Amino acid sequence: MIDVLIADDHQLLIDGIKTTLDDVPDINIVAEANNGLQVLKILQSKKIDVIIMDINMPQMDGLDCTKAVCKKYPDTKVVALSQFDEKRFVKKMVKNGASGYLLKDSGKDEIVAAIRKINSGEKYFCERLSINIINRELSTLDSKSLFPQLTDREIEVLKLICKEFSSPEIADSLFISDKTVENHRANLIAKAGVKNTAGLVRWAVENDFVD
């Protein structure tokens, strides 16, 4: 039996999923929550196999909750449930530990398949997600295109760029030459797959290198 928790701030959606899965013999809805804090409280006293996790919730959203769950309760698997078919949300949920991603209009067969596969240790991503997201961004979790590996120095430079430091100011702060700063900037832009410094700053924020 797969014990499932549904986390969403819309009770109608929770009730709909519970009704949809009511006749599935190997899936048991044992708990529900309306925000991330409630999820963490439930996990203190109840073992959950799979959490169906909404991204947009009050008090603690699904992104932060997923990160906390996967760190403290590694045996509990998370599948994101969202209305957002956007690469940045998929990437953040996967980066935070989610094993899959469903859209809120997913049908019964897809929800059941996702729960079963994720519970068995596999990954599952909704068929209606962009093919480009699946093929180019999520083919492997350690893909460099998904999460580029930055050196410690590159991260230092990136954080200063995001604070609007100029190249000379970064050079003075890190005791390196202006040319070295520009080399780091060029490498960062290439690794992030963006066109310019503005795109690099947006990428850094979206991927949690800076707040």
C-alpha atoms as a PDB file:
ATOM      1  CA  MET A   1       0.000   0.000   0.000  1.00  0.00           C
ATOM      2  CA  ILE A   2       1.304   3.474  -0.920  1.00  0.00           C
ATOM      3  CA  ASP A   3       0.469   6.055   1.756  1.00  0.00           C
ATOM      4  CA  VAL A   4      -0.097   9.464   0.173  1.00  0.00           C
ATOM      5  CA  LEU A   5      -0.378  13.013   1.511  1.00  0.00           C
ATOM      6  CA  ILE A   6      -2.035  15.704  -0.630  1.00  0.00           C
ATOM      7  CA  ALA A   7      -0.815  19.267  -0.001  1.00  0.00           C
ATOM      8  CA  ASP A   8      -2.798  22.061  -1.635  1.00  0.00           C
ATOM      9  CA  ASP A   9      -4.422  25.259  -0.415  1.00  0.00           C
ATOM     10  CA  HIS A  10      -7.638  24.548  -2.339  1.00  0.00           C
ATOM     11  CA  GLN A  11      -9.807  22.024  -0.536  1.00  0.00           C
ATOM     12  CA  LEU A  12     -11.853  21.352  -3.668  1.00  0.00           C
ATOM     13  CA  LEU A  13      -8.748  20.101  -5.447  1.00  0.00           C
ATOM     14  CA  ILE A  14      -7.808  17.877  -2.512  1.00  0.00           C
ATOM     15  CA  ASP A  15     -11.318  16.434  -2.416  1.00  0.00           C
ATOM     16  CA  GLY A  16     -11.235  15.899  -6.172  1.00  0.00           C
ATOM     17  CA  ILE A  17      -7.976  13.937  -6.050  1.00  0.00           C
ATOM     18  CA  LYS A  18      -9.217  11.880  -3.096  1.00  0.00           C
ATOM     19  CA  THR A  19     -12.382  10.975  -5.004  1.00  0.00           C
ATOM     20  CA  THR A  20     -10.394  10.201  -8.144  1.00  0.00           C
ATOM     21  CA  LEU A  21      -8.067   7.821  -6.307  1.00  0.00           C
ATOM     22  CA  ASP A  22     -10.677   6.310  -3.994  1.00  0.00           C
ATOM     23  CA  ASP A  23     -11.011   3.064  -5.954  1.00  0.00           C
ATOM     24  CA  VAL A  24      -7.276   2.519  -6.584  1.00  0.00           C
ATOM     25  CA  PRO A  25      -6.455  -0.495  -4.404  1.00  0.00           C
ATOM     26  CA  ASP A  26      -2.751   0.166  -3.772  1.00  0.00           C
ATOM     27  CA  ILE A  27      -3.005   3.913  -3.036  1.00  0.00           C
ATOM     28  CA  ASN A  28      -4.199   5.182   0.327  1.00  0.00           C
ATOM     29  CA  ILE A  29      -4.752   8.906   1.005  1.00  0.00           C
ATOM     30  CA  VAL A  30      -3.800   9.113   4.669  1.00  0.00           C
ATOM     31  CA  ALA A  31      -3.366  12.867   5.187  1.00  0.00           C
ATOM     32  CA  GLU A  32      -3.960  16.285   3.690  1.00  0.00           C
ATOM     33  CA  ALA A  33      -2.466  19.730   4.259  1.00  0.00           C
ATOM     34  CA  ASN A  34      -3.123  23.276   3.120  1.00  0.00           C
ATOM     35  CA  ASN A  35       0.437  24.594   3.431  1.00  0.00           C
ATOM     36  CA  GLY A  36       4.015  23.463   3.871  1.00  0.00           C
ATOM     37  CA  LEU A  37       4.089  23.951   7.626  1.00  0.00           C
ATOM     38  CA  GLN A  38       1.197  21.519   8.014  1.00  0.00           C
ATOM     39  CA  VAL A  39       3.053  19.002   5.839  1.00  0.00           C
ATOM     40  CA  LEU A  40       6.115  19.101   8.081  1.00  0.00           C
ATOM     41  CA  LYS A  41       3.962  18.782  11.198  1.00  0.00           C
ATOM     42  CA  ILE A  42       2.210  15.704   9.791  1.00  0.00           C
ATOM     43  CA  LEU A  43       5.531  14.075   8.925  1.00  0.00           C
ATOM     44  CA  GLN A  44       6.626  14.322  12.550  1.00  0.00           C
ATOM     45  CA  SER A  45       4.072  11.674  13.527  1.00  0.00           C
ATOM     46  CA  LYS A  46       3.091   9.877  10.346  1.00  0.00           C
ATOM     47  CA  LYS A  47       5.117   7.964   7.740  1.00  0.00           C
ATOM     48  CA  ILE A  48       4.254   9.118   4.226  1.00  0.00           C
ATOM     49  CA  ASP A  49       5.443   7.402   1.054  1.00  0.00           C
ATOM     50  CA  VAL A  50       4.482  10.056  -1.522  1.00  0.00           C
ATOM     51  CA  ILE A  51       3.454  13.695  -1.217  1.00  0.00           C
ATOM     52  CA  ILE A  52       1.468  15.370  -3.993  1.00  0.00           C
ATOM     53  CA  MET A  53       2.780  18.899  -3.447  1.00  0.00           C
ATOM     54  CA  ASP A  54       1.248  22.123  -4.719  1.00  0.00           C
ATOM     55  CA  ILE A  55       3.837  24.818  -5.446  1.00  0.00           C
ATOM     56  CA  ASN A  56       1.837  27.921  -4.563  1.00  0.00           C
ATOM     57  CA  MET A  57       0.692  27.677  -0.927  1.00  0.00           C
ATOM     58  CA  PRO A  58       0.553  30.192   1.958  1.00  0.00           C
ATOM     59  CA  GLN A  59       2.892  30.285   4.989  1.00  0.00           C
ATOM     60  CA  MET A  60       5.342  27.830   3.399  1.00  0.00           C
ATOM     61  CA  ASP A  61       5.160  27.151  -0.319  1.00  0.00           C
ATOM     62  CA  GLY A  62       5.828  23.873  -2.081  1.00  0.00           C
ATOM     63  CA  LEU A  63       9.345  24.834  -3.132  1.00  0.00           C
ATOM     64  CA  ASP A  64      10.591  25.401   0.419  1.00  0.00           C
ATOM     65  CA  CYS A  65       8.565  22.525   1.798  1.00  0.00           C
ATOM     66  CA  THR A  66       9.939  20.085  -0.769  1.00  0.00           C
ATOM     67  CA  LYS A  67      13.478  21.100   0.104  1.00  0.00           C
ATOM     68  CA  ALA A  68      12.794  20.589   3.818  1.00  0.00           C
ATOM     69  CA  VAL A  69      11.026  17.256   3.307  1.00  0.00           C
ATOM     70  CA  CYS A  70      13.724  15.781   1.083  1.00  0.00           C
ATOM     71  CA  LYS A  71      16.436  16.833   3.527  1.00  0.00           C
ATOM     72  CA  LYS A  72      14.758  15.615   6.724  1.00  0.00           C
ATOM     73  CA  TYR A  73      12.639  12.736   5.379  1.00  0.00           C
ATOM     74  CA  PRO A  74      14.607  11.289   2.427  1.00  0.00           C
ATOM     75  CA  ASP A  75      12.398   8.189   2.210  1.00  0.00           C
ATOM     76  CA  THR A  76       9.355  10.354   1.468  1.00  0.00           C
ATOM     77  CA  LYS A  77       9.023  11.118  -2.246  1.00  0.00           C
ATOM     78  CA  VAL A  78       7.539  14.335  -3.621  1.00  0.00           C
ATOM     79  CA  VAL A  79       5.682  14.937  -6.876  1.00  0.00           C
ATOM     80  CA  ALA A  80       4.930  18.563  -7.709  1.00  0.00           C
ATOM     81  CA  LEU A  81       1.367  19.514  -8.604  1.00  0.00           C
ATOM     82  CA  SER A  82       1.079  22.845 -10.371  1.00  0.00           C
ATOM     83  CA  GLN A  83      -0.787  24.927 -12.896  1.00  0.00           C
ATOM     84  CA  PHE A  84       2.554  26.322 -14.093  1.00  0.00           C
ATOM     85  CA  ASP A  85       4.021  24.691 -17.209  1.00  0.00           C
ATOM     86  CA  GLU A  86       7.259  26.663 -16.943  1.00  0.00           C
ATOM     87  CA  LYS A  87      10.859  25.499 -16.970  1.00  0.00           C
ATOM     88  CA  ARG A  88      11.875  27.593 -13.971  1.00  0.00           C
ATOM     89  CA  PHE A  89       9.315  25.909 -11.684  1.00  0.00           C
ATOM     90  CA  VAL A  90      10.219  22.422 -12.892  1.00  0.00           C
ATOM     91  CA  LYS A  91      13.919  23.132 -12.382  1.00  0.00           C
ATOM     92  CA  LYS A  92      13.414  24.533  -8.890  1.00  0.00           C
ATOM     93  CA  MET A  93      11.252  21.624  -7.758  1.00  0.00           C
ATOM     94  CA  VAL A  94      13.719  19.075  -9.129  1.00  0.00           C
ATOM     95  CA  LYS A  95      16.630  20.967  -7.597  1.00  0.00           C
ATOM     96  CA  ASN A  96      14.827  20.932  -4.241  1.00  0.00           C
ATOM     97  CA  GLY A  97      14.365  17.160  -4.437  1.00  0.00           C
ATOM     98  CA  ALA A  98      11.056  16.473  -6.195  1.00  0.00           C
ATOM     99  CA  SER A  99      10.879  13.203  -8.100  1.00  0.00           C
ATOM    100  CA  GLY A 100       8.247  14.341 -10.569  1.00  0.00           C
ATOM    101  CA  TYR A 101       5.959  17.060 -11.847  1.00  0.00           C
ATOM    102  CA  LEU A 102       2.228  16.978 -12.645  1.00  0.00           C
ATOM    103  CA  LEU A 103      -0.073  19.657 -13.992  1.00  0.00           C
ATOM    104  CA  LYS A 104      -3.324  20.255 -12.134  1.00  0.00           C
ATOM    105  CA  ASP A 105      -5.408  19.087 -15.073  1.00  0.00           C
ATOM    106  CA  SER A 106      -3.681  15.690 -15.137  1.00  0.00           C
ATOM    107  CA  GLY A 107      -6.073  12.765 -15.426  1.00  0.00           C
ATOM    108  CA  LYS A 108      -6.488   9.811 -13.103  1.00  0.00           C
ATOM    109  CA  ASP A 109      -4.246   7.455 -15.080  1.00  0.00           C
ATOM    110  CA  GLU A 110      -1.400   9.945 -15.043  1.00  0.00           C
ATOM    111  CA  ILE A 111      -1.707  10.676 -11.316  1.00  0.00           C
ATOM    112  CA  VAL A 112      -1.753   6.967 -10.504  1.00  0.00           C
ATOM    113  CA  ALA A 113       1.218   6.284 -12.776  1.00  0.00           C
ATOM    114  CA  ALA A 114       3.182   9.127 -11.185  1.00  0.00           C
ATOM    115  CA  ILE A 115       2.538   7.896  -7.630  1.00  0.00           C
ATOM    116  CA  ARG A 116       3.466   4.318  -8.458  1.00  0.00           C
ATOM    117  CA  LYS A 117       6.627   5.155 -10.379  1.00  0.00           C
ATOM    118  CA  ILE A 118       7.878   7.683  -7.855  1.00  0.00           C
ATOM    119  CA  ASN A 119       7.179   5.314  -4.978  1.00  0.00           C
ATOM    120  CA  SER A 120       9.303   2.682  -6.738  1.00  0.00           C
ATOM    121  CA  GLY A 121      12.222   5.071  -7.064  1.00  0.00           C
ATOM    122  CA  GLU A 122      11.644   6.298 -10.622  1.00  0.00           C
ATOM    123  CA  LYS A 123      10.990   9.802 -11.942  1.00  0.00           C
ATOM    124  CA  TYR A 124       7.761  10.964 -13.557  1.00  0.00           C
ATOM    125  CA  PHE A 125       7.019  14.122 -15.515  1.00  0.00           C
ATOM    126  CA  CYS A 126       3.613  15.015 -16.938  1.00  0.00           C
ATOM    127  CA  GLU A 127       3.290  14.192 -20.618  1.00  0.00           C
ATOM    128  CA  ARG A 128       1.998  17.676 -21.388  1.00  0.00           C
ATOM    129  CA  LEU A 129       5.084  19.416 -20.117  1.00  0.00           C
ATOM    130  CA  SER A 130       7.070  20.928 -22.935  1.00  0.00           C
ATOM    131  CA  ILE A 131       9.008  18.268 -24.825  1.00  0.00           C
ATOM    132  CA  ASN A 132      11.969  20.620 -24.830  1.00  0.00           C
ATOM    133  CA  ILE A 133      11.912  20.780 -21.028  1.00  0.00           C
ATOM    134  CA  ILE A 134      11.959  17.003 -20.773  1.00  0.00           C
ATOM    135  CA  ASN A 135      14.496  16.278 -23.496  1.00  0.00           C
ATOM    136  CA  ARG A 136      16.874  19.176 -22.995  1.00  0.00           C
ATOM    137  CA  GLU A 137      16.588  20.044 -19.322  1.00  0.00           C
ATOM    138  CA  LEU A 138      15.501  16.920 -17.432  1.00  0.00           C
ATOM    139  CA  SER A 139      17.155  14.028 -19.284  1.00  0.00           C
ATOM    140  CA  THR A 140      19.514  13.587 -16.310  1.00  0.00           C
ATOM    141  CA  LEU A 141      19.362  15.297 -12.944  1.00  0.00           C
ATOM    142  CA  ASP A 142      23.085  16.040 -12.948  1.00  0.00           C
ATOM    143  CA  SER A 143      22.983  17.486 -16.461  1.00  0.00           C
ATOM    144  CA  LYS A 144      25.273  20.494 -16.840  1.00  0.00           C
ATOM    145  CA  SER A 145      22.575  22.240 -18.834  1.00  0.00           C
ATOM    146  CA  LEU A 146      20.204  21.854 -15.896  1.00  0.00           C
ATOM    147  CA  PHE A 147      22.564  22.688 -13.034  1.00  0.00           C
ATOM    148  CA  PRO A 148      25.925  24.015 -14.296  1.00  0.00           C
ATOM    149  CA  GLN A 149      28.811  23.401 -11.942  1.00  0.00           C
ATOM    150  CA  LEU A 150      30.275  26.704 -10.785  1.00  0.00           C
ATOM    151  CA  THR A 151      33.623  27.078  -9.050  1.00  0.00           C
ATOM    152  CA  ASP A 152      33.793  28.805  -5.671  1.00  0.00           C
ATOM    153  CA  ARG A 153      35.410  31.821  -7.332  1.00  0.00           C
ATOM    154  CA  GLU A 154      32.700  31.963 -10.011  1.00  0.00           C
ATOM    155  CA  ILE A 155      30.036  31.968  -7.306  1.00  0.00           C
ATOM    156  CA  GLU A 156      31.815  34.830  -5.529  1.00  0.00           C
ATOM    157  CA  VAL A 157      31.952  36.826  -8.760  1.00  0.00           C
ATOM    158  CA  LEU A 158      28.323  36.000  -9.561  1.00  0.00           C
ATOM    159  CA  LYS A 159      27.090  37.247  -6.194  1.00  0.00           C
ATOM    160  CA  LEU A 160      28.977  40.525  -6.604  1.00  0.00           C
ATOM    161  CA  ILE A 161      27.619  40.958 -10.128  1.00  0.00           C
ATOM    162  CA  CYS A 162      24.121  40.556  -8.706  1.00  0.00           C
ATOM    163  CA  LYS A 163      24.924  43.283  -6.176  1.00  0.00           C
ATOM    164  CA  GLU A 164      25.683  45.581  -9.147  1.00  0.00           C
ATOM    165  CA  PHE A 165      29.426  45.732  -8.525  1.00  0.00           C
ATOM    166  CA  SER A 166      31.443  46.879 -11.538  1.00  0.00           C
ATOM    167  CA  SER A 167      34.336  44.772 -12.835  1.00  0.00           C
ATOM    168  CA  PRO A 168      36.954  47.039 -11.176  1.00  0.00           C
ATOM    169  CA  GLU A 169      35.026  46.893  -7.901  1.00  0.00           C
ATOM    170  CA  ILE A 170      34.849  43.086  -8.080  1.00  0.00           C
ATOM    171  CA  ALA A 171      38.556  42.951  -8.872  1.00  0.00           C
ATOM    172  CA  ASP A 172      39.392  45.099  -5.830  1.00  0.00           C
ATOM    173  CA  SER A 173      37.078  43.109  -3.577  1.00  0.00           C
ATOM    174  CA  LEU A 174      38.530  39.719  -4.565  1.00  0.00           C
ATOM    175  CA  PHE A 175      42.126  40.875  -5.137  1.00  0.00           C
ATOM    176  CA  ILE A 176      42.164  39.769  -8.760  1.00  0.00           C
ATOM    177  CA  SER A 177      42.678  41.603 -12.056  1.00  0.00           C
ATOM    178  CA  ASP A 178      39.964  43.244 -14.148  1.00  0.00           C
ATOM    179  CA  LYS A 179      40.777  40.808 -16.951  1.00  0.00           C
ATOM    180  CA  THR A 180      40.227  37.832 -14.630  1.00  0.00           C
ATOM    181  CA  VAL A 181      36.849  39.248 -13.618  1.00  0.00           C
ATOM    182  CA  GLU A 182      35.830  39.592 -17.264  1.00  0.00           C
ATOM    183  CA  ASN A 183      36.946  36.014 -17.935  1.00  0.00           C
ATOM    184  CA  HIS A 184      34.790  34.805 -15.042  1.00  0.00           C
ATOM    185  CA  ARG A 185      31.861  36.885 -16.315  1.00  0.00           C
ATOM    186  CA  ALA A 186      32.186  35.355 -19.792  1.00  0.00           C
ATOM    187  CA  ASN A 187      32.398  31.830 -18.367  1.00  0.00           C
ATOM    188  CA  LEU A 188      29.334  32.418 -16.200  1.00  0.00           C
ATOM    189  CA  ILE A 189      27.293  33.716 -19.135  1.00  0.00           C
ATOM    190  CA  ALA A 190      28.318  30.666 -21.192  1.00  0.00           C
ATOM    191  CA  LYS A 191      27.506  28.193 -18.417  1.00  0.00           C
ATOM    192  CA  ALA A 192      24.141  29.791 -17.721  1.00  0.00           C
ATOM    193  CA  GLY A 193      23.257  29.791 -21.406  1.00  0.00           C
ATOM    194  CA  VAL A 194      22.238  33.465 -21.384  1.00  0.00           C
ATOM    195  CA  LYS A 195      23.167  36.385 -23.649  1.00  0.00           C
ATOM    196  CA  ASN A 196      24.320  39.105 -21.275  1.00  0.00           C
ATOM    197  CA  THR A 197      24.803  40.221 -17.679  1.00  0.00           C
ATOM    198  CA  ALA A 198      21.112  41.044 -17.209  1.00  0.00           C
ATOM    199  CA  GLY A 199      20.216  37.503 -18.250  1.00  0.00           C
ATOM    200  CA  LEU A 200      22.902  36.169 -15.902  1.00  0.00           C
ATOM    201  CA  VAL A 201      21.371  38.024 -12.940  1.00  0.00           C
ATOM    202  CA  ARG A 202      17.895  36.650 -13.732  1.00  0.00           C
ATOM    203  CA  TRP A 203      19.350  33.142 -14.039  1.00  0.00           C
ATOM    204  CA  ALA A 204      21.171  33.485 -10.689  1.00  0.00           C
ATOM    205  CA  VAL A 205      17.953  34.484  -8.920  1.00  0.00           C
ATOM    206  CA  GLU A 206      15.897  31.722 -10.542  1.00  0.00           C
ATOM    207  CA  ASN A 207      18.467  29.092  -9.553  1.00  0.00           C
ATOM    208  CA  ASP A 208      18.875  30.261  -5.947  1.00  0.00           C
ATOM    209  CA  PHE A 209      22.487  31.445  -6.181  1.00  0.00           C
ATOM    210  CA  VAL A 210      21.278  34.721  -4.686  1.00  0.00           C
ATOM    211  CA  ASP A 211      18.122  35.795  -2.846  1.00  0.00           C
END
